[in-house]
Amino acid sequence: MKVEEIKVLSDEELAKRLEEAHQELFNLRFRLATKQLVNHREVSRVKRQIARFKTIIRERELGAR
């Protein structure tokens, strides 16, 4: 997802997507440890997505003050 797409999400939807991304990262790490992961770049892609979600959440927290 791009930043513009993330910014239009509601707070609840953003929290839900963040939780899903954390779950996906867990699954990718598990598959990586068991040598079942084919594309290793998926791990960094999900980490970057989590960072984007957290950045938008923090921007909203700071903007609400």
PDB file of N, CA and C in Angstrom:
ATOM      1  N   MET A   1       0.840  -1.181   0.000  1.00  0.00           N
ATOM      2  CA  MET A   1       0.000   0.000   0.000  1.00  0.00           C
ATOM      3  C   MET A   1       0.882   1.241   0.000  1.00  0.00           C
ATOM      4  N   LYS A   2       0.402   2.233  -0.674  1.00  0.00           N
ATOM      5  CA  LYS A   2       1.111   3.503  -0.693  1.00  0.00           C
ATOM      6  C   LYS A   2       0.628   4.377   0.464  1.00  0.00           C
ATOM      7  N   VAL A   3       1.412   5.388   0.780  1.00  0.00           N
ATOM      8  CA  VAL A   3       1.105   6.255   1.915  1.00  0.00           C
ATOM      9  C   VAL A   3      -0.241   6.951   1.714  1.00  0.00           C
ATOM     10  N   GLU A   4      -0.519   7.366   0.490  1.00  0.00           N
ATOM     11  CA  GLU A   4      -1.802   8.044   0.226  1.00  0.00           C
ATOM     12  C   GLU A   4      -2.978   7.126   0.507  1.00  0.00           C
ATOM     13  N   GLU A   5      -2.820   5.841   0.198  1.00  0.00           N
ATOM     14  CA  GLU A   5      -3.891   4.873   0.455  1.00  0.00           C
ATOM     15  C   GLU A   5      -4.057   4.623   1.951  1.00  0.00           C
ATOM     16  N   ILE A   6      -2.960   4.669   2.688  1.00  0.00           N
ATOM     17  CA  ILE A   6      -3.016   4.424   4.126  1.00  0.00           C
ATOM     18  C   ILE A   6      -3.657   5.599   4.852  1.00  0.00           C
ATOM     19  N   LYS A   7      -3.373   6.812   4.403  1.00  0.00           N
ATOM     20  CA  LYS A   7      -3.874   8.003   5.090  1.00  0.00           C
ATOM     21  C   LYS A   7      -5.390   8.125   5.047  1.00  0.00           C
ATOM     22  N   VAL A   8      -6.039   7.538   4.055  1.00  0.00           N
ATOM     23  CA  VAL A   8      -7.495   7.644   3.968  1.00  0.00           C
ATOM     24  C   VAL A   8      -8.213   6.611   4.830  1.00  0.00           C
ATOM     25  N   LEU A   9      -7.473   5.676   5.424  1.00  0.00           N
ATOM     26  CA  LEU A   9      -8.084   4.654   6.275  1.00  0.00           C
ATOM     27  C   LEU A   9      -8.499   5.254   7.618  1.00  0.00           C
ATOM     28  N   SER A  10      -9.537   4.692   8.202  1.00  0.00           N
ATOM     29  CA  SER A  10      -9.951   5.123   9.535  1.00  0.00           C
ATOM     30  C   SER A  10      -8.991   4.553  10.563  1.00  0.00           C
ATOM     31  N   ASP A  11      -9.080   5.054  11.784  1.00  0.00           N
ATOM     32  CA  ASP A  11      -8.191   4.582  12.849  1.00  0.00           C
ATOM     33  C   ASP A  11      -8.387   3.095  13.132  1.00  0.00           C
ATOM     34  N   GLU A  12      -9.635   2.640  13.121  1.00  0.00           N
ATOM     35  CA  GLU A  12      -9.919   1.238  13.391  1.00  0.00           C
ATOM     36  C   GLU A  12      -9.376   0.353  12.276  1.00  0.00           C
ATOM     37  N   GLU A  13      -9.579   0.776  11.038  1.00  0.00           N
ATOM     38  CA  GLU A  13      -9.089   0.010   9.898  1.00  0.00           C
ATOM     39  C   GLU A  13      -7.564  -0.026   9.898  1.00  0.00           C
ATOM     40  N   LEU A  14      -6.947   1.076  10.265  1.00  0.00           N
ATOM     41  CA  LEU A  14      -5.489   1.156  10.327  1.00  0.00           C
ATOM     42  C   LEU A  14      -4.945   0.201  11.395  1.00  0.00           C
ATOM     43  N   ALA A  15      -5.590   0.148  12.547  1.00  0.00           N
ATOM     44  CA  ALA A  15      -5.173  -0.761  13.612  1.00  0.00           C
ATOM     45  C   ALA A  15      -5.341  -2.222  13.177  1.00  0.00           C
ATOM     46  N   LYS A  16      -6.418  -2.488  12.460  1.00  0.00           N
ATOM     47  CA  LYS A  16      -6.664  -3.842  11.974  1.00  0.00           C
ATOM     48  C   LYS A  16      -5.608  -4.256  10.958  1.00  0.00           C
ATOM     49  N   ARG A  17      -5.276  -3.361  10.038  1.00  0.00           N
ATOM     50  CA  ARG A  17      -4.249  -3.649   9.027  1.00  0.00           C
ATOM     51  C   ARG A  17      -2.873  -3.841   9.680  1.00  0.00           C
ATOM     52  N   LEU A  18      -2.587  -3.066  10.719  1.00  0.00           N
ATOM     53  CA  LEU A  18      -1.317  -3.200  11.427  1.00  0.00           C
ATOM     54  C   LEU A  18      -1.223  -4.571  12.087  1.00  0.00           C
ATOM     55  N   GLU A  19      -2.303  -5.007  12.709  1.00  0.00           N
ATOM     56  CA  GLU A  19      -2.329  -6.322  13.343  1.00  0.00           C
ATOM     57  C   GLU A  19      -2.154  -7.430  12.309  1.00  0.00           C
ATOM     58  N   GLU A  20      -2.797  -7.282  11.149  1.00  0.00           N
ATOM     59  CA  GLU A  20      -2.650  -8.269  10.083  1.00  0.00           C
ATOM     60  C   GLU A  20      -1.214  -8.313   9.568  1.00  0.00           C
ATOM     61  N   ALA A  21      -0.582  -7.160   9.470  1.00  0.00           N
ATOM     62  CA  ALA A  21       0.798  -7.104   9.001  1.00  0.00           C
ATOM     63  C   ALA A  21       1.736  -7.773   9.996  1.00  0.00           C
ATOM     64  N   HIS A  22       1.496  -7.575  11.294  1.00  0.00           N
ATOM     65  CA  HIS A  22       2.311  -8.242  12.308  1.00  0.00           C
ATOM     66  C   HIS A  22       2.144  -9.765  12.219  1.00  0.00           C
ATOM     67  N   GLN A  23       0.928 -10.201  11.981  1.00  0.00           N
ATOM     68  CA  GLN A  23       0.674 -11.639  11.844  1.00  0.00           C
ATOM     69  C   GLN A  23       1.369 -12.188  10.603  1.00  0.00           C
ATOM     70  N   GLU A  24       1.318 -11.442   9.512  1.00  0.00           N
ATOM     71  CA  GLU A  24       1.980 -11.863   8.286  1.00  0.00           C
ATOM     72  C   GLU A  24       3.500 -11.940   8.475  1.00  0.00           C
ATOM     73  N   LEU A  25       4.065 -10.974   9.193  1.00  0.00           N
ATOM     74  CA  LEU A  25       5.501 -10.994   9.469  1.00  0.00           C
ATOM     75  C   LEU A  25       5.869 -12.216  10.307  1.00  0.00           C
ATOM     76  N   PHE A  26       5.048 -12.537  11.279  1.00  0.00           N
ATOM     77  CA  PHE A  26       5.286 -13.733  12.088  1.00  0.00           C
ATOM     78  C   PHE A  26       5.305 -14.980  11.212  1.00  0.00           C
ATOM     79  N   ASN A  27       4.316 -15.088  10.329  1.00  0.00           N
ATOM     80  CA  ASN A  27       4.238 -16.258   9.450  1.00  0.00           C
ATOM     81  C   ASN A  27       5.433 -16.323   8.504  1.00  0.00           C
ATOM     82  N   LEU A  28       5.859 -15.181   7.982  1.00  0.00           N
ATOM     83  CA  LEU A  28       7.008 -15.154   7.084  1.00  0.00           C
ATOM     84  C   LEU A  28       8.283 -15.569   7.813  1.00  0.00           C
ATOM     85  N   ARG A  29       8.448 -15.088   9.028  1.00  0.00           N
ATOM     86  CA  ARG A  29       9.632 -15.469   9.806  1.00  0.00           C
ATOM     87  C   ARG A  29       9.624 -16.961  10.120  1.00  0.00           C
ATOM     88  N   PHE A  30       8.461 -17.497  10.381  1.00  0.00           N
ATOM     89  CA  PHE A  30       8.347 -18.926  10.656  1.00  0.00           C
ATOM     90  C   PHE A  30       8.714 -19.726   9.410  1.00  0.00           C
ATOM     91  N   ARG A  31       8.192 -19.307   8.251  1.00  0.00           N
ATOM     92  CA  ARG A  31       8.515 -19.996   7.002  1.00  0.00           C
ATOM     93  C   ARG A  31       9.988 -19.845   6.650  1.00  0.00           C
ATOM     94  N   LEU A  32      10.579 -18.692   6.983  1.00  0.00           N
ATOM     95  CA  LEU A  32      12.001 -18.475   6.735  1.00  0.00           C
ATOM     96  C   LEU A  32      12.852 -19.422   7.582  1.00  0.00           C
ATOM     97  N   ALA A  33      12.456 -19.602   8.837  1.00  0.00           N
ATOM     98  CA  ALA A  33      13.207 -20.470   9.741  1.00  0.00           C
ATOM     99  C   ALA A  33      13.118 -21.935   9.323  1.00  0.00           C
ATOM    100  N   THR A  34      12.005 -22.320   8.717  1.00  0.00           N
ATOM    101  CA  THR A  34      11.831 -23.708   8.298  1.00  0.00           C
ATOM    102  C   THR A  34      12.222 -23.917   6.839  1.00  0.00           C
ATOM    103  N   LYS A  35      12.861 -22.918   6.237  1.00  0.00           N
ATOM    104  CA  LYS A  35      13.366 -22.991   4.861  1.00  0.00           C
ATOM    105  C   LYS A  35      12.261 -23.201   3.823  1.00  0.00           C
ATOM    106  N   GLN A  36      11.065 -22.663   4.087  1.00  0.00           N
ATOM    107  CA  GLN A  36       9.958 -22.793   3.149  1.00  0.00           C
ATOM    108  C   GLN A  36       9.666 -21.492   2.411  1.00  0.00           C
ATOM    109  N   LEU A  37      10.369 -20.432   2.761  1.00  0.00           N
ATOM    110  CA  LEU A  37      10.127 -19.137   2.142  1.00  0.00           C
ATOM    111  C   LEU A  37      10.940 -19.034   0.855  1.00  0.00           C
ATOM    112  N   VAL A  38      10.257 -18.756  -0.248  1.00  0.00           N
ATOM    113  CA  VAL A  38      10.919 -18.674  -1.541  1.00  0.00           C
ATOM    114  C   VAL A  38      11.472 -17.275  -1.778  1.00  0.00           C
ATOM    115  N   ASN A  39      10.664 -16.255  -1.519  1.00  0.00           N
ATOM    116  CA  ASN A  39      11.069 -14.877  -1.783  1.00  0.00           C
ATOM    117  C   ASN A  39      11.409 -14.194  -0.458  1.00  0.00           C
ATOM    118  N   HIS A  40      12.697 -13.995  -0.198  1.00  0.00           N
ATOM    119  CA  HIS A  40      13.145 -13.407   1.058  1.00  0.00           C
ATOM    120  C   HIS A  40      12.817 -11.928   1.163  1.00  0.00           C
ATOM    121  N   ARG A  41      12.538 -11.281   0.055  1.00  0.00           N
ATOM    122  CA  ARG A  41      12.222  -9.851   0.087  1.00  0.00           C
ATOM    123  C   ARG A  41      10.856  -9.570   0.693  1.00  0.00           C
ATOM    124  N   GLU A  42      10.039 -10.588   0.836  1.00  0.00           N
ATOM    125  CA  GLU A  42       8.728 -10.411   1.456  1.00  0.00           C
ATOM    126  C   GLU A  42       8.859  -9.930   2.897  1.00  0.00           C
ATOM    127  N   VAL A  43       9.878 -10.403   3.600  1.00  0.00           N
ATOM    128  CA  VAL A  43      10.070 -10.028   5.002  1.00  0.00           C
ATOM    129  C   VAL A  43      10.317  -8.520   5.093  1.00  0.00           C
ATOM    130  N   SER A  44      11.213  -7.995   4.287  1.00  0.00           N
ATOM    131  CA  SER A  44      11.499  -6.554   4.339  1.00  0.00           C
ATOM    132  C   SER A  44      10.324  -5.729   3.840  1.00  0.00           C
ATOM    133  N   ARG A  45       9.554  -6.268   2.889  1.00  0.00           N
ATOM    134  CA  ARG A  45       8.371  -5.559   2.402  1.00  0.00           C
ATOM    135  C   ARG A  45       7.345  -5.382   3.518  1.00  0.00           C
ATOM    136  N   VAL A  46       7.125  -6.438   4.299  1.00  0.00           N
ATOM    137  CA  VAL A  46       6.148  -6.379   5.383  1.00  0.00           C
ATOM    138  C   VAL A  46       6.656  -5.473   6.501  1.00  0.00           C
ATOM    139  N   LYS A  47       7.954  -5.523   6.781  1.00  0.00           N
ATOM    140  CA  LYS A  47       8.517  -4.638   7.803  1.00  0.00           C
ATOM    141  C   LYS A  47       8.328  -3.178   7.406  1.00  0.00           C
ATOM    142  N   ARG A  48       8.550  -2.879   6.147  1.00  0.00           N
ATOM    143  CA  ARG A  48       8.375  -1.509   5.656  1.00  0.00           C
ATOM    144  C   ARG A  48       6.908  -1.086   5.751  1.00  0.00           C
ATOM    145  N   GLN A  49       6.009  -2.021   5.467  1.00  0.00           N
ATOM    146  CA  GLN A  49       4.580  -1.732   5.564  1.00  0.00           C
ATOM    147  C   GLN A  49       4.181  -1.448   7.014  1.00  0.00           C
ATOM    148  N   ILE A  50       4.710  -2.206   7.951  1.00  0.00           N
ATOM    149  CA  ILE A  50       4.435  -1.979   9.374  1.00  0.00           C
ATOM    150  C   ILE A  50       4.941  -0.600   9.783  1.00  0.00           C
ATOM    151  N   ALA A  51       6.121  -0.237   9.313  1.00  0.00           N
ATOM    152  CA  ALA A  51       6.678   1.078   9.638  1.00  0.00           C
ATOM    153  C   ALA A  51       5.799   2.196   9.084  1.00  0.00           C
ATOM    154  N   ARG A  52       5.260   2.008   7.897  1.00  0.00           N
ATOM    155  CA  ARG A  52       4.356   3.016   7.323  1.00  0.00           C
ATOM    156  C   ARG A  52       3.103   3.167   8.174  1.00  0.00           C
ATOM    157  N   PHE A  53       2.526   2.033   8.577  1.00  0.00           N
ATOM    158  CA  PHE A  53       1.325   2.078   9.413  1.00  0.00           C
ATOM    159  C   PHE A  53       1.610   2.807  10.719  1.00  0.00           C
ATOM    160  N   LYS A  54       2.716   2.462  11.361  1.00  0.00           N
ATOM    161  CA  LYS A  54       3.053   3.089  12.633  1.00  0.00           C
ATOM    162  C   LYS A  54       3.333   4.580  12.471  1.00  0.00           C
ATOM    163  N   THR A  55       3.935   4.964  11.367  1.00  0.00           N
ATOM    164  CA  THR A  55       4.220   6.378  11.116  1.00  0.00           C
ATOM    165  C   THR A  55       2.930   7.170  10.987  1.00  0.00           C
ATOM    166  N   ILE A  56       1.973   6.651  10.250  1.00  0.00           N
ATOM    167  CA  ILE A  56       0.689   7.342  10.072  1.00  0.00           C
ATOM    168  C   ILE A  56      -0.046   7.432  11.405  1.00  0.00           C
ATOM    169  N   ILE A  57      -0.013   6.366  12.194  1.00  0.00           N
ATOM    170  CA  ILE A  57      -0.661   6.391  13.511  1.00  0.00           C
ATOM    171  C   ILE A  57      -0.033   7.462  14.380  1.00  0.00           C
ATOM    172  N   ARG A  58       1.297   7.542  14.379  1.00  0.00           N
ATOM    173  CA  ARG A  58       1.995   8.547  15.196  1.00  0.00           C
ATOM    174  C   ARG A  58       1.703   9.955  14.699  1.00  0.00           C
ATOM    175  N   GLU A  59       1.635  10.147  13.397  1.00  0.00           N
ATOM    176  CA  GLU A  59       1.299  11.471  12.857  1.00  0.00           C
ATOM    177  C   GLU A  59      -0.078  11.906  13.336  1.00  0.00           C
ATOM    178  N   ARG A  60      -1.014  10.976  13.358  1.00  0.00           N
ATOM    179  CA  ARG A  60      -2.363  11.303  13.815  1.00  0.00           C
ATOM    180  C   ARG A  60      -2.376  11.624  15.305  1.00  0.00           C
ATOM    181  N   GLU A  61      -1.577  10.903  16.085  1.00  0.00           N
ATOM    182  CA  GLU A  61      -1.497  11.197  17.520  1.00  0.00           C
ATOM    183  C   GLU A  61      -0.947  12.592  17.756  1.00  0.00           C
ATOM    184  N   LEU A  62       0.097  12.954  17.062  1.00  0.00           N
ATOM    185  CA  LEU A  62       0.712  14.265  17.228  1.00  0.00           C
ATOM    186  C   LEU A  62      -0.176  15.372  16.683  1.00  0.00           C
ATOM    187  N   GLY A  63      -0.913  15.086  15.632  1.00  0.00           N
ATOM    188  CA  GLY A  63      -1.803  16.087  15.053  1.00  0.00           C
ATOM    189  C   GLY A  63      -3.031  16.352  15.904  1.00  0.00           C
ATOM    190  N   ALA A  64      -3.413  15.389  16.722  1.00  0.00           N
ATOM    191  CA  ALA A  64      -4.602  15.527  17.560  1.00  0.00           C
ATOM    192  C   ALA A  64      -4.339  16.406  18.766  1.00  0.00           C
ATOM    193  N   ARG A  65      -3.094  16.658  19.090  1.00  0.00           N
ATOM    194  CA  ARG A  65      -2.768  17.454  20.289  1.00  0.00           C
ATOM    195  C   ARG A  65      -2.999  18.902  20.064  1.00  0.00           C
TER     196      ARG A  65
END
